[in-house]
């Protein structure tokens, strides 16, 4: 879904599964200049927003199942009535169990039962919030830095109205990036990995770049991606989308995808978009 409220006077409601990164997301919003309220009583939200409106400050309110008066229907009603952006953080069960094991924390809904029972119960409980959310962020494979980057892309208050683009390279053998909005597959291009002189280099090295460019289908591939993005990006921006991740994949995420992601990011910058690159698997 697109973000409903644009401009510096944003209201963000953020919720999600315990262990999915709610505190880190709120910290990122605070660093962006938002006034953050964590576990704020749901019944007092309306009063808080009305008091804060004259100050013209962006605010972020975090809710989880520990929040006093936690009421899913009321949170959804408030997000719609106050034109707030509703964000829900999700994560797969195995990853959540591992995070709770590492931190030795008890799941708030597990009580005297296993952590897995609490996770299952909370996943079912919060499903309506996931369905109603304007933005759903799956943090299963995200580091804290990745999550902060995504939050910043969606909610940076400076230069509001511009769409933030991330060009991501990745290797298919390490799994699809869950945060990607669009994915392009570059595995059909000749692979520098099989050249012993290039194997240990990356797509940021000139010999690798020249090798990739020599593929007879390389130029058409790049031009076709540009032709696809050229009309789409203005439409996304008009729709109110503030953040878009375009992922380029190859086998290992070291050569072809890295070069193409950098190439497209440069083209987007020249086309007056705000673009950053993120090479997910380059250090693997």
C-alpha atoms as a PDB file:
ATOM      1  CA  UNK A   1       0.000   0.000   0.000  1.00  0.00           C
ATOM      2  CA  UNK A   2       1.066   3.602  -0.415  1.00  0.00           C
ATOM      3  CA  UNK A   3       1.752   5.923   2.477  1.00  0.00           C
ATOM      4  CA  UNK A   4      -1.346   7.963   3.230  1.00  0.00           C
ATOM      5  CA  UNK A   5       0.188  11.001   4.865  1.00  0.00           C
ATOM      6  CA  UNK A   6       3.066  12.838   3.284  1.00  0.00           C
ATOM      7  CA  UNK A   7       5.168  15.778   4.407  1.00  0.00           C
ATOM      8  CA  UNK A   8       7.010  16.564   7.645  1.00  0.00           C
ATOM      9  CA  UNK A   9       3.947  16.374   9.935  1.00  0.00           C
ATOM     10  CA  UNK A  10       3.718  12.608   9.918  1.00  0.00           C
ATOM     11  CA  UNK A  11       2.077  10.304  12.407  1.00  0.00           C
ATOM     12  CA  UNK A  12       3.478   6.778  12.435  1.00  0.00           C
ATOM     13  CA  UNK A  13       1.972   3.847  14.311  1.00  0.00           C
ATOM     14  CA  UNK A  14       4.398   0.943  14.477  1.00  0.00           C
ATOM     15  CA  UNK A  15       3.663  -2.509  15.822  1.00  0.00           C
ATOM     16  CA  UNK A  16       4.645  -6.100  15.224  1.00  0.00           C
ATOM     17  CA  UNK A  17       5.770  -9.396  16.636  1.00  0.00           C
ATOM     18  CA  UNK A  18       7.886  -9.453  19.778  1.00  0.00           C
ATOM     19  CA  UNK A  19      11.499  -9.832  18.704  1.00  0.00           C
ATOM     20  CA  UNK A  20      10.867  -8.509  15.188  1.00  0.00           C
ATOM     21  CA  UNK A  21      12.754  -5.245  15.791  1.00  0.00           C
ATOM     22  CA  UNK A  22      10.199  -2.771  17.143  1.00  0.00           C
ATOM     23  CA  UNK A  23      12.687  -1.055  19.470  1.00  0.00           C
ATOM     24  CA  UNK A  24      15.278  -0.728  16.696  1.00  0.00           C
ATOM     25  CA  UNK A  25      12.677   0.740  14.330  1.00  0.00           C
ATOM     26  CA  UNK A  26      11.599   3.286  16.945  1.00  0.00           C
ATOM     27  CA  UNK A  27      15.248   4.200  17.586  1.00  0.00           C
ATOM     28  CA  UNK A  28      15.674   4.800  13.850  1.00  0.00           C
ATOM     29  CA  UNK A  29      12.605   7.050  13.787  1.00  0.00           C
ATOM     30  CA  UNK A  30      13.900   8.978  16.787  1.00  0.00           C
ATOM     31  CA  UNK A  31      17.196   9.540  14.959  1.00  0.00           C
ATOM     32  CA  UNK A  32      15.184  10.919  12.031  1.00  0.00           C
ATOM     33  CA  UNK A  33      13.670  13.577  14.293  1.00  0.00           C
ATOM     34  CA  UNK A  34      10.435  11.895  15.282  1.00  0.00           C
ATOM     35  CA  UNK A  35       9.118  12.247  18.814  1.00  0.00           C
ATOM     36  CA  UNK A  36       8.815   8.625  19.873  1.00  0.00           C
ATOM     37  CA  UNK A  37       6.368   7.070  22.336  1.00  0.00           C
ATOM     38  CA  UNK A  38       6.880   3.394  23.109  1.00  0.00           C
ATOM     39  CA  UNK A  39       4.124   1.265  24.668  1.00  0.00           C
ATOM     40  CA  UNK A  40       1.886   4.312  24.916  1.00  0.00           C
ATOM     41  CA  UNK A  41      -1.619   3.479  26.250  1.00  0.00           C
ATOM     42  CA  UNK A  42      -3.948   3.103  23.277  1.00  0.00           C
ATOM     43  CA  UNK A  43      -6.764   4.966  25.053  1.00  0.00           C
ATOM     44  CA  UNK A  44      -4.601   8.107  25.346  1.00  0.00           C
ATOM     45  CA  UNK A  45      -3.376   8.214  21.737  1.00  0.00           C
ATOM     46  CA  UNK A  46      -6.111  10.522  20.474  1.00  0.00           C
ATOM     47  CA  UNK A  47      -5.414  13.034  23.241  1.00  0.00           C
ATOM     48  CA  UNK A  48      -1.667  12.885  22.550  1.00  0.00           C
ATOM     49  CA  UNK A  49      -2.105  13.566  18.850  1.00  0.00           C
ATOM     50  CA  UNK A  50      -4.494  16.472  19.435  1.00  0.00           C
ATOM     51  CA  UNK A  51      -2.048  18.078  21.866  1.00  0.00           C
ATOM     52  CA  UNK A  52       0.912  17.540  19.519  1.00  0.00           C
ATOM     53  CA  UNK A  53      -0.698  18.855  16.305  1.00  0.00           C
ATOM     54  CA  UNK A  54      -0.028  22.577  16.954  1.00  0.00           C
ATOM     55  CA  UNK A  55       3.692  21.817  17.371  1.00  0.00           C
ATOM     56  CA  UNK A  56       3.876  20.395  13.857  1.00  0.00           C
ATOM     57  CA  UNK A  57       6.233  17.613  14.968  1.00  0.00           C
ATOM     58  CA  UNK A  58       6.361  14.175  13.387  1.00  0.00           C
ATOM     59  CA  UNK A  59       5.518  11.568  16.001  1.00  0.00           C
ATOM     60  CA  UNK A  60       5.888   7.789  16.147  1.00  0.00           C
ATOM     61  CA  UNK A  61       3.929   5.596  18.545  1.00  0.00           C
ATOM     62  CA  UNK A  62       4.932   1.995  19.192  1.00  0.00           C
ATOM     63  CA  UNK A  63       2.428  -0.647  20.238  1.00  0.00           C
ATOM     64  CA  UNK A  64       3.003  -4.261  21.168  1.00  0.00           C
ATOM     65  CA  UNK A  65       1.041  -6.881  23.051  1.00  0.00           C
ATOM     66  CA  UNK A  66       2.448  -5.582  26.359  1.00  0.00           C
ATOM     67  CA  UNK A  67       0.938  -2.124  25.759  1.00  0.00           C
ATOM     68  CA  UNK A  68      -1.680  -1.142  28.316  1.00  0.00           C
ATOM     69  CA  UNK A  69      -5.136  -1.448  26.790  1.00  0.00           C
ATOM     70  CA  UNK A  70      -3.733  -3.083  23.653  1.00  0.00           C
ATOM     71  CA  UNK A  71      -6.677  -3.113  21.234  1.00  0.00           C
ATOM     72  CA  UNK A  72      -6.126  -4.083  17.623  1.00  0.00           C
ATOM     73  CA  UNK A  73      -9.414  -2.708  16.323  1.00  0.00           C
ATOM     74  CA  UNK A  74      -8.819   0.609  18.074  1.00  0.00           C
ATOM     75  CA  UNK A  75      -5.294   0.906  16.659  1.00  0.00           C
ATOM     76  CA  UNK A  76      -6.639   0.322  13.141  1.00  0.00           C
ATOM     77  CA  UNK A  77      -9.473   2.807  13.704  1.00  0.00           C
ATOM     78  CA  UNK A  78      -7.070   5.456  14.998  1.00  0.00           C
ATOM     79  CA  UNK A  79      -4.620   4.944  12.120  1.00  0.00           C
ATOM     80  CA  UNK A  80      -7.413   5.499   9.614  1.00  0.00           C
ATOM     81  CA  UNK A  81      -9.040   8.373  11.472  1.00  0.00           C
ATOM     82  CA  UNK A  82      -5.802  10.246  12.187  1.00  0.00           C
ATOM     83  CA  UNK A  83      -4.307   9.612   8.735  1.00  0.00           C
ATOM     84  CA  UNK A  84      -1.400   7.777  10.364  1.00  0.00           C
ATOM     85  CA  UNK A  85       0.919   5.390   8.557  1.00  0.00           C
ATOM     86  CA  UNK A  86       0.550   1.940  10.107  1.00  0.00           C
ATOM     87  CA  UNK A  87       3.715  -0.190  10.047  1.00  0.00           C
ATOM     88  CA  UNK A  88       3.775  -3.847  11.059  1.00  0.00           C
ATOM     89  CA  UNK A  89       7.009  -5.793  11.608  1.00  0.00           C
ATOM     90  CA  UNK A  90       6.928  -9.528  10.970  1.00  0.00           C
ATOM     91  CA  UNK A  91       9.487 -12.327  11.168  1.00  0.00           C
ATOM     92  CA  UNK A  92       9.478 -16.096  10.701  1.00  0.00           C
ATOM     93  CA  UNK A  93       9.062 -18.342  13.719  1.00  0.00           C
ATOM     94  CA  UNK A  94      12.488 -20.013  13.607  1.00  0.00           C
ATOM     95  CA  UNK A  95      14.304 -16.674  13.546  1.00  0.00           C
ATOM     96  CA  UNK A  96      12.214 -15.312  16.415  1.00  0.00           C
ATOM     97  CA  UNK A  97      12.926 -18.408  18.500  1.00  0.00           C
ATOM     98  CA  UNK A  98      16.640 -17.973  17.867  1.00  0.00           C
ATOM     99  CA  UNK A  99      16.520 -14.300  18.857  1.00  0.00           C
ATOM    100  CA  UNK A 100      14.735 -15.097  22.130  1.00  0.00           C
ATOM    101  CA  UNK A 101      17.251 -17.866  22.838  1.00  0.00           C
ATOM    102  CA  UNK A 102      20.197 -15.533  22.260  1.00  0.00           C
ATOM    103  CA  UNK A 103      18.814 -12.779  24.490  1.00  0.00           C
ATOM    104  CA  UNK A 104      17.382 -15.216  27.056  1.00  0.00           C
ATOM    105  CA  UNK A 105      14.196 -13.172  27.150  1.00  0.00           C
ATOM    106  CA  UNK A 106      10.779 -14.616  27.863  1.00  0.00           C
ATOM    107  CA  UNK A 107       8.103 -14.172  25.243  1.00  0.00           C
ATOM    108  CA  UNK A 108       5.370 -11.881  26.652  1.00  0.00           C
ATOM    109  CA  UNK A 109       2.602 -14.278  25.606  1.00  0.00           C
ATOM    110  CA  UNK A 110       4.369 -17.529  26.459  1.00  0.00           C
ATOM    111  CA  UNK A 111       4.039 -17.288  30.258  1.00  0.00           C
ATOM    112  CA  UNK A 112       4.844 -20.814  31.497  1.00  0.00           C
ATOM    113  CA  UNK A 113       4.751 -22.318  27.999  1.00  0.00           C
ATOM    114  CA  UNK A 114       7.539 -22.640  25.383  1.00  0.00           C
ATOM    115  CA  UNK A 115       8.582 -19.579  23.390  1.00  0.00           C
ATOM    116  CA  UNK A 116       7.168 -21.208  20.251  1.00  0.00           C
ATOM    117  CA  UNK A 117       3.687 -21.218  21.800  1.00  0.00           C
ATOM    118  CA  UNK A 118       3.899 -17.484  22.512  1.00  0.00           C
ATOM    119  CA  UNK A 119       5.098 -16.750  18.981  1.00  0.00           C
ATOM    120  CA  UNK A 120       2.243 -18.739  17.421  1.00  0.00           C
ATOM    121  CA  UNK A 121      -0.331 -17.053  19.655  1.00  0.00           C
ATOM    122  CA  UNK A 122       0.991 -13.573  18.900  1.00  0.00           C
ATOM    123  CA  UNK A 123       1.221 -14.229  15.149  1.00  0.00           C
ATOM    124  CA  UNK A 124      -2.457 -15.172  15.081  1.00  0.00           C
ATOM    125  CA  UNK A 125      -3.428 -12.250  17.320  1.00  0.00           C
ATOM    126  CA  UNK A 126      -1.636  -9.640  15.193  1.00  0.00           C
ATOM    127  CA  UNK A 127      -2.755 -10.941  11.812  1.00  0.00           C
ATOM    128  CA  UNK A 128      -5.435  -8.206  11.414  1.00  0.00           C
ATOM    129  CA  UNK A 129      -2.742  -5.546  11.926  1.00  0.00           C
ATOM    130  CA  UNK A 130      -0.650  -7.126   9.192  1.00  0.00           C
ATOM    131  CA  UNK A 131      -3.639  -7.036   6.842  1.00  0.00           C
ATOM    132  CA  UNK A 132      -4.428  -3.403   7.686  1.00  0.00           C
ATOM    133  CA  UNK A 133      -0.827  -2.139   7.555  1.00  0.00           C
ATOM    134  CA  UNK A 134       0.320   0.431   5.022  1.00  0.00           C
ATOM    135  CA  UNK A 135       3.837  -0.986   5.286  1.00  0.00           C
ATOM    136  CA  UNK A 136       4.826  -4.537   6.242  1.00  0.00           C
ATOM    137  CA  UNK A 137       8.522  -5.130   6.943  1.00  0.00           C
ATOM    138  CA  UNK A 138       9.775  -8.707   7.156  1.00  0.00           C
ATOM    139  CA  UNK A 139      12.877  -8.583   9.375  1.00  0.00           C
ATOM    140  CA  UNK A 140      13.748 -12.299   9.105  1.00  0.00           C
ATOM    141  CA  UNK A 141      16.937 -11.711   7.133  1.00  0.00           C
ATOM    142  CA  UNK A 142      17.534  -8.085   8.079  1.00  0.00           C
ATOM    143  CA  UNK A 143      20.356  -6.832  10.251  1.00  0.00           C
ATOM    144  CA  UNK A 144      19.727  -3.848  12.510  1.00  0.00           C
ATOM    145  CA  UNK A 145      21.480  -1.700   9.903  1.00  0.00           C
ATOM    146  CA  UNK A 146      19.215  -3.037   7.142  1.00  0.00           C
ATOM    147  CA  UNK A 147      16.116  -2.251   9.199  1.00  0.00           C
ATOM    148  CA  UNK A 148      17.334   1.270   9.933  1.00  0.00           C
ATOM    149  CA  UNK A 149      17.989   1.804   6.223  1.00  0.00           C
ATOM    150  CA  UNK A 150      14.455   0.714   5.333  1.00  0.00           C
ATOM    151  CA  UNK A 151      12.866   2.886   8.028  1.00  0.00           C
ATOM    152  CA  UNK A 152      14.941   5.841   6.894  1.00  0.00           C
ATOM    153  CA  UNK A 153      13.891   5.265   3.298  1.00  0.00           C
ATOM    154  CA  UNK A 154      10.214   5.347   4.225  1.00  0.00           C
ATOM    155  CA  UNK A 155      10.219   8.123   6.817  1.00  0.00           C
ATOM    156  CA  UNK A 156      13.070  10.549   6.180  1.00  0.00           C
ATOM    157  CA  UNK A 157      11.471  13.965   6.817  1.00  0.00           C
ATOM    158  CA  UNK A 158      14.042  16.022   4.918  1.00  0.00           C
ATOM    159  CA  UNK A 159      13.201  16.322   1.269  1.00  0.00           C
ATOM    160  CA  UNK A 160       9.746  14.912   1.881  1.00  0.00           C
ATOM    161  CA  UNK A 161       7.918  13.927  -1.279  1.00  0.00           C
ATOM    162  CA  UNK A 162      10.956  12.442  -2.993  1.00  0.00           C
ATOM    163  CA  UNK A 163      11.046   8.697  -3.513  1.00  0.00           C
ATOM    164  CA  UNK A 164      14.047   6.911  -2.033  1.00  0.00           C
ATOM    165  CA  UNK A 165      15.362   4.092  -4.207  1.00  0.00           C
ATOM    166  CA  UNK A 166      17.669   1.281  -3.159  1.00  0.00           C
ATOM    167  CA  UNK A 167      19.493  -0.813  -5.743  1.00  0.00           C
ATOM    168  CA  UNK A 168      20.353  -4.118  -4.111  1.00  0.00           C
ATOM    169  CA  UNK A 169      22.635  -6.850  -5.400  1.00  0.00           C
ATOM    170  CA  UNK A 170      22.223 -10.384  -4.090  1.00  0.00           C
ATOM    171  CA  UNK A 171      23.049 -14.015  -4.787  1.00  0.00           C
ATOM    172  CA  UNK A 172      20.198 -16.424  -5.503  1.00  0.00           C
ATOM    173  CA  UNK A 173      22.084 -19.194  -3.697  1.00  0.00           C
ATOM    174  CA  UNK A 174      21.746 -17.195  -0.475  1.00  0.00           C
ATOM    175  CA  UNK A 175      17.991 -16.676  -0.890  1.00  0.00           C
ATOM    176  CA  UNK A 176      15.693 -13.982  -2.237  1.00  0.00           C
ATOM    177  CA  UNK A 177      15.724 -10.596  -0.451  1.00  0.00           C
ATOM    178  CA  UNK A 178      12.367 -10.321   1.290  1.00  0.00           C
ATOM    179  CA  UNK A 179      12.393  -6.535   1.256  1.00  0.00           C
ATOM    180  CA  UNK A 180      12.679  -6.304  -2.554  1.00  0.00           C
ATOM    181  CA  UNK A 181       9.810  -4.716  -4.478  1.00  0.00           C
ATOM    182  CA  UNK A 182      11.215  -5.702  -7.884  1.00  0.00           C
ATOM    183  CA  UNK A 183      13.709  -8.454  -8.769  1.00  0.00           C
ATOM    184  CA  UNK A 184      15.749  -8.877 -11.962  1.00  0.00           C
ATOM    185  CA  UNK A 185      17.697 -12.047 -12.719  1.00  0.00           C
ATOM    186  CA  UNK A 186      21.163 -11.561 -14.274  1.00  0.00           C
ATOM    187  CA  UNK A 187      22.264 -15.197 -14.111  1.00  0.00           C
ATOM    188  CA  UNK A 188      21.986 -15.639 -17.883  1.00  0.00           C
ATOM    189  CA  UNK A 189      24.962 -13.316 -18.438  1.00  0.00           C
ATOM    190  CA  UNK A 190      28.440 -14.852 -18.698  1.00  0.00           C
ATOM    191  CA  UNK A 191      29.809 -15.459 -15.235  1.00  0.00           C
ATOM    192  CA  UNK A 192      33.216 -13.991 -14.228  1.00  0.00           C
ATOM    193  CA  UNK A 193      33.420 -16.593 -11.456  1.00  0.00           C
ATOM    194  CA  UNK A 194      34.588 -19.199 -13.973  1.00  0.00           C
ATOM    195  CA  UNK A 195      37.537 -17.062 -15.060  1.00  0.00           C
ATOM    196  CA  UNK A 196      40.408 -17.763 -12.639  1.00  0.00           C
ATOM    197  CA  UNK A 197      41.768 -14.225 -13.045  1.00  0.00           C
ATOM    198  CA  UNK A 198      38.409 -12.667 -12.090  1.00  0.00           C
ATOM    199  CA  UNK A 199      37.009 -15.149  -9.576  1.00  0.00           C
ATOM    200  CA  UNK A 200      38.283 -13.321  -6.494  1.00  0.00           C
ATOM    201  CA  UNK A 201      37.402  -9.850  -7.788  1.00  0.00           C
ATOM    202  CA  UNK A 202      33.962  -8.221  -7.624  1.00  0.00           C
ATOM    203  CA  UNK A 203      31.608  -6.276  -9.841  1.00  0.00           C
ATOM    204  CA  UNK A 204      33.250  -3.101  -8.570  1.00  0.00           C
ATOM    205  CA  UNK A 205      36.531  -4.008 -10.261  1.00  0.00           C
ATOM    206  CA  UNK A 206      37.091  -2.793 -13.830  1.00  0.00           C
ATOM    207  CA  UNK A 207      38.278  -6.135 -15.322  1.00  0.00           C
ATOM    208  CA  UNK A 208      35.070  -7.799 -14.103  1.00  0.00           C
ATOM    209  CA  UNK A 209      32.954  -4.971 -15.479  1.00  0.00           C
ATOM    210  CA  UNK A 210      34.570  -5.249 -18.913  1.00  0.00           C
ATOM    211  CA  UNK A 211      34.069  -9.020 -18.902  1.00  0.00           C
ATOM    212  CA  UNK A 212      30.346  -8.607 -18.153  1.00  0.00           C
ATOM    213  CA  UNK A 213      29.929  -5.872 -20.758  1.00  0.00           C
ATOM    214  CA  UNK A 214      31.344  -8.159 -23.430  1.00  0.00           C
ATOM    215  CA  UNK A 215      28.303 -10.430 -23.173  1.00  0.00           C
ATOM    216  CA  UNK A 216      26.274  -9.872 -26.362  1.00  0.00           C
ATOM    217  CA  UNK A 217      23.022  -9.536 -24.393  1.00  0.00           C
ATOM    218  CA  UNK A 218      24.308  -7.199 -21.691  1.00  0.00           C
ATOM    219  CA  UNK A 219      23.410  -3.884 -23.358  1.00  0.00           C
ATOM    220  CA  UNK A 220      19.889  -4.997 -24.268  1.00  0.00           C
ATOM    221  CA  UNK A 221      19.319  -6.260 -20.732  1.00  0.00           C
ATOM    222  CA  UNK A 222      20.304  -2.912 -19.182  1.00  0.00           C
ATOM    223  CA  UNK A 223      18.286  -0.899 -21.688  1.00  0.00           C
ATOM    224  CA  UNK A 224      15.220  -3.075 -21.151  1.00  0.00           C
ATOM    225  CA  UNK A 225      15.395  -2.533 -17.384  1.00  0.00           C
ATOM    226  CA  UNK A 226      15.677   1.222 -17.930  1.00  0.00           C
ATOM    227  CA  UNK A 227      12.749   1.146 -20.360  1.00  0.00           C
ATOM    228  CA  UNK A 228      10.665  -0.644 -17.751  1.00  0.00           C
ATOM    229  CA  UNK A 229      11.601   1.635 -14.852  1.00  0.00           C
ATOM    230  CA  UNK A 230      11.389   4.901 -16.768  1.00  0.00           C
ATOM    231  CA  UNK A 231       7.558   5.077 -16.892  1.00  0.00           C
ATOM    232  CA  UNK A 232       6.980   3.133 -13.665  1.00  0.00           C
ATOM    233  CA  UNK A 233       8.944   5.280 -11.214  1.00  0.00           C
ATOM    234  CA  UNK A 234       6.981   8.514 -11.789  1.00  0.00           C
ATOM    235  CA  UNK A 235       3.755   6.548 -11.339  1.00  0.00           C
ATOM    236  CA  UNK A 236       4.995   5.031  -8.076  1.00  0.00           C
ATOM    237  CA  UNK A 237       5.983   8.480  -6.870  1.00  0.00           C
ATOM    238  CA  UNK A 238       2.626   9.950  -7.862  1.00  0.00           C
ATOM    239  CA  UNK A 239       0.945   7.107  -5.972  1.00  0.00           C
ATOM    240  CA  UNK A 240       2.747   8.287  -2.834  1.00  0.00           C
ATOM    241  CA  UNK A 241       5.287   5.466  -2.568  1.00  0.00           C
ATOM    242  CA  UNK A 242       8.268   6.832  -0.658  1.00  0.00           C
ATOM    243  CA  UNK A 243      10.628   3.849  -0.769  1.00  0.00           C
ATOM    244  CA  UNK A 244      11.367   1.254  -3.425  1.00  0.00           C
ATOM    245  CA  UNK A 245      13.918  -1.561  -3.442  1.00  0.00           C
ATOM    246  CA  UNK A 246      15.044  -2.884  -6.826  1.00  0.00           C
ATOM    247  CA  UNK A 247      17.072  -6.074  -6.502  1.00  0.00           C
ATOM    248  CA  UNK A 248      19.450  -7.548  -9.073  1.00  0.00           C
ATOM    249  CA  UNK A 249      20.425 -11.164  -8.557  1.00  0.00           C
ATOM    250  CA  UNK A 250      23.162 -13.407  -9.873  1.00  0.00           C
ATOM    251  CA  UNK A 251      24.431 -16.734  -8.565  1.00  0.00           C
ATOM    252  CA  UNK A 252      26.671 -15.634  -5.687  1.00  0.00           C
ATOM    253  CA  UNK A 253      26.009 -11.885  -5.499  1.00  0.00           C
ATOM    254  CA  UNK A 254      29.640 -10.874  -6.093  1.00  0.00           C
ATOM    255  CA  UNK A 255      30.003 -10.047  -9.775  1.00  0.00           C
ATOM    256  CA  UNK A 256      27.175  -9.471 -12.264  1.00  0.00           C
ATOM    257  CA  UNK A 257      24.534  -8.253  -9.828  1.00  0.00           C
ATOM    258  CA  UNK A 258      26.976  -5.887  -8.098  1.00  0.00           C
ATOM    259  CA  UNK A 259      28.017  -4.178 -11.320  1.00  0.00           C
ATOM    260  CA  UNK A 260      24.456  -3.866 -12.639  1.00  0.00           C
ATOM    261  CA  UNK A 261      23.144  -2.483  -9.333  1.00  0.00           C
ATOM    262  CA  UNK A 262      25.879   0.180  -9.296  1.00  0.00           C
ATOM    263  CA  UNK A 263      25.238   0.972 -12.958  1.00  0.00           C
ATOM    264  CA  UNK A 264      21.499   1.431 -12.465  1.00  0.00           C
ATOM    265  CA  UNK A 265      21.991   3.471  -9.296  1.00  0.00           C
ATOM    266  CA  UNK A 266      24.206   5.875 -11.222  1.00  0.00           C
ATOM    267  CA  UNK A 267      21.603   6.135 -13.996  1.00  0.00           C
ATOM    268  CA  UNK A 268      18.863   6.881 -11.451  1.00  0.00           C
ATOM    269  CA  UNK A 269      20.968   9.563  -9.778  1.00  0.00           C
ATOM    270  CA  UNK A 270      21.488  11.172 -13.177  1.00  0.00           C
ATOM    271  CA  UNK A 271      17.702  11.028 -13.639  1.00  0.00           C
ATOM    272  CA  UNK A 272      17.249  13.106 -10.449  1.00  0.00           C
ATOM    273  CA  UNK A 273      16.189  10.282  -8.154  1.00  0.00           C
ATOM    274  CA  UNK A 274      17.680   9.647  -4.716  1.00  0.00           C
ATOM    275  CA  UNK A 275      19.334   6.250  -5.092  1.00  0.00           C
ATOM    276  CA  UNK A 276      21.580   4.184  -2.840  1.00  0.00           C
ATOM    277  CA  UNK A 277      23.204   0.802  -3.343  1.00  0.00           C
ATOM    278  CA  UNK A 278      23.290  -2.149  -0.986  1.00  0.00           C
ATOM    279  CA  UNK A 279      25.379  -5.212  -1.834  1.00  0.00           C
ATOM    280  CA  UNK A 280      23.852  -7.844   0.412  1.00  0.00           C
ATOM    281  CA  UNK A 281      26.191 -10.742  -0.247  1.00  0.00           C
ATOM    282  CA  UNK A 282      29.387  -9.025  -1.304  1.00  0.00           C
ATOM    283  CA  UNK A 283      31.228  -9.931   1.889  1.00  0.00           C
ATOM    284  CA  UNK A 284      30.134 -13.565   1.965  1.00  0.00           C
END
